Amino acid sequence: MLTASGSGLDPHISPANAHLQIERVATARGMAAPNLQRLVDQFTEGRDLGFLGERRVNVFLLNLALDERQAVNRSPRAQ
């Protein structure tokens, strides 16, 4: 599942690779798998210009959203 871009900083994985990790990540994050799938779908980007490259999941933005969700759930107001 691990690949590298020319810069080594590419924050993307394929939707298929993301799907393989949903159960594990959902368990680790303490959330339901369908909720995580919705977030993965939200951060799945299309082909550049509609035809270049492949669809991909921006893992950086997805992780930020997951971290934000956990911070909200841990806040005193959420309890």
Protein backbone atom coordinates (compact mmCIF):
# COMPACT_ATOMS: atom_id res chain seq x y z
CA MET A 1 0.00 0.00 0.00
CA LEU A 2 2.90 2.33 0.50
CA THR A 3 4.15 4.24 -2.48
CA ALA A 4 6.24 7.35 -2.80
CA SER A 5 5.91 10.37 -4.99
CA GLY A 6 8.87 12.16 -6.55
CA SER A 7 9.03 14.50 -3.54
CA GLY A 8 8.14 11.82 -1.02
CA LEU A 9 5.45 14.13 0.34
CA ASP A 10 2.40 12.92 -1.56
CA PRO A 11 -0.50 12.72 0.95
CA HIS A 12 -2.66 10.40 -1.16
CA ILE A 13 -3.60 6.72 -1.31
CA SER A 14 -6.00 4.97 -3.64
CA PRO A 15 -9.65 4.55 -2.60
CA ALA A 16 -9.08 0.78 -2.69
CA ASN A 17 -6.21 1.06 -0.21
CA ALA A 18 -8.30 3.31 2.03
CA HIS A 19 -11.15 0.80 1.94
CA LEU A 20 -8.80 -1.98 3.10
CA GLN A 21 -7.97 0.07 6.21
CA ILE A 22 -11.45 1.28 7.21
CA GLU A 23 -12.21 -1.38 9.84
CA ARG A 24 -8.78 -1.06 11.47
CA VAL A 25 -8.80 2.74 11.52
CA ALA A 26 -12.43 2.91 12.69
CA THR A 27 -11.59 0.61 15.60
CA ALA A 28 -8.48 2.60 16.48
CA ARG A 29 -10.44 5.87 16.31
CA GLY A 30 -13.43 4.52 18.24
CA MET A 31 -15.94 5.19 15.49
CA ALA A 32 -18.34 3.24 13.33
CA ALA A 33 -16.95 2.01 10.01
CA PRO A 34 -19.80 3.55 7.95
CA ASN A 35 -19.02 6.97 9.45
CA LEU A 36 -15.37 6.59 8.48
CA GLN A 37 -16.39 5.46 4.98
CA ARG A 38 -18.37 8.70 4.58
CA LEU A 39 -15.29 10.71 5.54
CA VAL A 40 -13.12 8.72 3.13
CA ASP A 41 -15.66 9.45 0.38
CA GLN A 42 -15.64 13.14 1.33
CA PHE A 43 -11.85 13.34 0.94
CA THR A 44 -11.65 11.28 -2.24
CA GLU A 45 -10.49 13.49 -5.09
CA GLY A 46 -11.20 12.91 -8.75
CA ARG A 47 -8.87 12.83 -11.70
CA ASP A 48 -7.03 16.05 -12.53
CA LEU A 49 -8.87 17.94 -15.27
CA GLY A 50 -11.34 15.07 -15.27
CA PHE A 51 -9.05 12.63 -17.11
CA LEU A 52 -5.46 12.78 -15.79
CA GLY A 53 -4.27 10.42 -13.08
CA GLU A 54 -6.42 8.33 -10.81
CA ARG A 55 -8.95 8.98 -8.08
CA ARG A 56 -7.21 9.30 -4.72
CA VAL A 57 -7.87 9.88 -1.03
CA ASN A 58 -6.16 12.88 0.53
CA VAL A 59 -4.96 11.21 3.73
CA PHE A 60 -3.60 14.44 5.18
CA LEU A 61 -6.99 16.18 5.06
CA LEU A 62 -8.78 13.01 6.16
CA ASN A 63 -6.53 12.72 9.22
CA LEU A 64 -7.12 16.39 10.08
CA ALA A 65 -10.88 15.79 9.95
CA LEU A 66 -10.54 12.67 12.12
CA ASP A 67 -8.39 14.55 14.65
CA GLU A 68 -10.92 17.40 14.73
CA ARG A 69 -13.76 14.92 15.28
CA GLN A 70 -11.91 13.35 18.21
CA ALA A 71 -11.15 16.75 19.72
CA VAL A 72 -14.84 17.70 19.57
CA ASN A 73 -15.86 14.39 21.13
CA ARG A 74 -13.37 14.90 23.98
CA SER A 75 -14.34 18.49 24.74
CA PRO A 76 -16.12 19.11 28.06
CA ARG A 77 -19.15 20.52 26.20
CA ALA A 78 -19.61 17.24 24.30
CA GLN A 79 -20.07 15.32 27.55
